[in-house]
Amino acid sequence: MPEPERILRMRTVLQRTGLSRSTIYRKMKDGTFPSQVVISMHGRGWHESAVNRWIIDPTHYLENSAAITPFAQGQS
């Protein structure tokens, strides 16, 4: 059975990425960092898999194309 998707809170994302809080929010606005998901009325976090994709290739990460595979991009 695969492990369930983990939700990371801000402190963990800051530690894993080395970015500042303001840089994360700026990059989210630009679409170059994963968006947050709502986990409670006042709580938000990030899907661990999305943060891991950003860590693998931060300069080429785009929020809208993160789920598109290279094979699908070449198809018409």
C-alpha atoms as a PDB file:
ATOM      1  CA  MET A   1       0.000   0.000   0.000  1.00  0.00           C
ATOM      2  CA  PRO A   2       1.497   3.385  -0.974  1.00  0.00           C
ATOM      3  CA  GLU A   3       2.144   5.993   1.686  1.00  0.00           C
ATOM      4  CA  PRO A   4      -0.497   8.723   1.889  1.00  0.00           C
ATOM      5  CA  GLU A   5       0.376  12.219   0.692  1.00  0.00           C
ATOM      6  CA  ARG A   6       1.818  14.298   3.538  1.00  0.00           C
ATOM      7  CA  ILE A   7       0.978  17.949   4.086  1.00  0.00           C
ATOM      8  CA  LEU A   8       3.942  20.089   5.103  1.00  0.00           C
ATOM      9  CA  ARG A   9       3.578  23.161   7.294  1.00  0.00           C
ATOM     10  CA  MET A  10       5.490  26.409   6.790  1.00  0.00           C
ATOM     11  CA  ARG A  11       8.324  25.614   9.205  1.00  0.00           C
ATOM     12  CA  THR A  12       9.146  22.378   7.382  1.00  0.00           C
ATOM     13  CA  VAL A  13       8.944  24.022   3.947  1.00  0.00           C
ATOM     14  CA  LEU A  14      11.284  26.800   5.119  1.00  0.00           C
ATOM     15  CA  GLN A  15      13.794  24.231   6.362  1.00  0.00           C
ATOM     16  CA  ARG A  16      13.634  22.037   3.253  1.00  0.00           C
ATOM     17  CA  THR A  17      13.846  24.842   0.688  1.00  0.00           C
ATOM     18  CA  GLY A  18      16.114  27.336   2.426  1.00  0.00           C
ATOM     19  CA  LEU A  19      13.813  30.136   1.251  1.00  0.00           C
ATOM     20  CA  SER A  20      12.420  32.920   3.391  1.00  0.00           C
ATOM     21  CA  ARG A  21       8.710  33.203   4.118  1.00  0.00           C
ATOM     22  CA  SER A  22       8.350  36.293   1.917  1.00  0.00           C
ATOM     23  CA  THR A  23      10.192  34.607  -0.970  1.00  0.00           C
ATOM     24  CA  ILE A  24       7.858  31.604  -0.779  1.00  0.00           C
ATOM     25  CA  TYR A  25       4.782  33.858  -0.968  1.00  0.00           C
ATOM     26  CA  ARG A  26       6.281  35.884  -3.839  1.00  0.00           C
ATOM     27  CA  LYS A  27       7.115  32.724  -5.778  1.00  0.00           C
ATOM     28  CA  MET A  28       3.608  31.342  -5.142  1.00  0.00           C
ATOM     29  CA  LYS A  29       2.151  34.548  -6.585  1.00  0.00           C
ATOM     30  CA  ASP A  30       4.427  34.218  -9.644  1.00  0.00           C
ATOM     31  CA  GLY A  31       3.470  30.545 -10.068  1.00  0.00           C
ATOM     32  CA  THR A  32       7.043  29.379  -9.542  1.00  0.00           C
ATOM     33  CA  PHE A  33       6.366  27.628  -6.216  1.00  0.00           C
ATOM     34  CA  PRO A  34       3.576  25.193  -5.275  1.00  0.00           C
ATOM     35  CA  SER A  35       0.332  26.671  -3.985  1.00  0.00           C
ATOM     36  CA  GLN A  36      -0.889  26.000  -0.486  1.00  0.00           C
ATOM     37  CA  VAL A  37      -3.801  23.729   0.339  1.00  0.00           C
ATOM     38  CA  VAL A  38      -6.348  24.471   3.058  1.00  0.00           C
ATOM     39  CA  ILE A  39      -6.122  21.978   5.921  1.00  0.00           C
ATOM     40  CA  SER A  40      -8.311  23.758   8.500  1.00  0.00           C
ATOM     41  CA  MET A  41     -10.082  27.046   9.056  1.00  0.00           C
ATOM     42  CA  HIS A  42      -6.813  28.836   9.875  1.00  0.00           C
ATOM     43  CA  GLY A  43      -4.292  26.303   8.628  1.00  0.00           C
ATOM     44  CA  ARG A  44      -2.604  25.846   5.303  1.00  0.00           C
ATOM     45  CA  GLY A  45       0.189  23.632   4.053  1.00  0.00           C
ATOM     46  CA  TRP A  46       1.805  22.187   0.955  1.00  0.00           C
ATOM     47  CA  HIS A  47       1.616  18.756  -0.627  1.00  0.00           C
ATOM     48  CA  GLU A  48       4.971  17.137   0.052  1.00  0.00           C
ATOM     49  CA  SER A  49       5.174  15.818  -3.519  1.00  0.00           C
ATOM     50  CA  ALA A  50       4.772  19.343  -4.963  1.00  0.00           C
ATOM     51  CA  VAL A  51       7.516  20.719  -2.716  1.00  0.00           C
ATOM     52  CA  ASN A  52       9.761  17.792  -3.672  1.00  0.00           C
ATOM     53  CA  ARG A  53       9.183  18.539  -7.393  1.00  0.00           C
ATOM     54  CA  TRP A  54      10.206  22.159  -6.744  1.00  0.00           C
ATOM     55  CA  ILE A  55      13.332  21.059  -4.830  1.00  0.00           C
ATOM     56  CA  ILE A  56      14.392  18.779  -7.714  1.00  0.00           C
ATOM     57  CA  ASP A  57      14.274  21.620 -10.276  1.00  0.00           C
ATOM     58  CA  PRO A  58      13.472  25.046  -8.762  1.00  0.00           C
ATOM     59  CA  THR A  59      14.490  27.109 -11.801  1.00  0.00           C
ATOM     60  CA  HIS A  60      12.101  25.317 -14.171  1.00  0.00           C
ATOM     61  CA  TYR A  61       9.133  24.753 -11.840  1.00  0.00           C
ATOM     62  CA  LEU A  62       5.842  26.230 -13.012  1.00  0.00           C
ATOM     63  CA  GLU A  63       2.667  25.654 -10.997  1.00  0.00           C
ATOM     64  CA  ASN A  64       0.404  25.201 -14.024  1.00  0.00           C
ATOM     65  CA  SER A  65       2.653  22.719 -15.805  1.00  0.00           C
ATOM     66  CA  ALA A  66       3.923  20.723 -12.816  1.00  0.00           C
ATOM     67  CA  ALA A  67       1.633  17.775 -13.553  1.00  0.00           C
ATOM     68  CA  ILE A  68       2.321  17.684 -17.296  1.00  0.00           C
ATOM     69  CA  THR A  69       4.711  14.954 -18.334  1.00  0.00           C
ATOM     70  CA  PRO A  70       7.330  15.545 -21.044  1.00  0.00           C
ATOM     71  CA  PHE A  71       5.558  12.953 -23.221  1.00  0.00           C
ATOM     72  CA  ALA A  72       2.250  14.846 -23.017  1.00  0.00           C
ATOM     73  CA  GLN A  73       3.924  18.170 -23.838  1.00  0.00           C
ATOM     74  CA  GLY A  74       5.139  16.898 -27.208  1.00  0.00           C
ATOM     75  CA  GLN A  75       1.694  15.640 -28.273  1.00  0.00           C
ATOM     76  CA  SER A  76      -0.659  17.763 -30.414  1.00  0.00           C
END
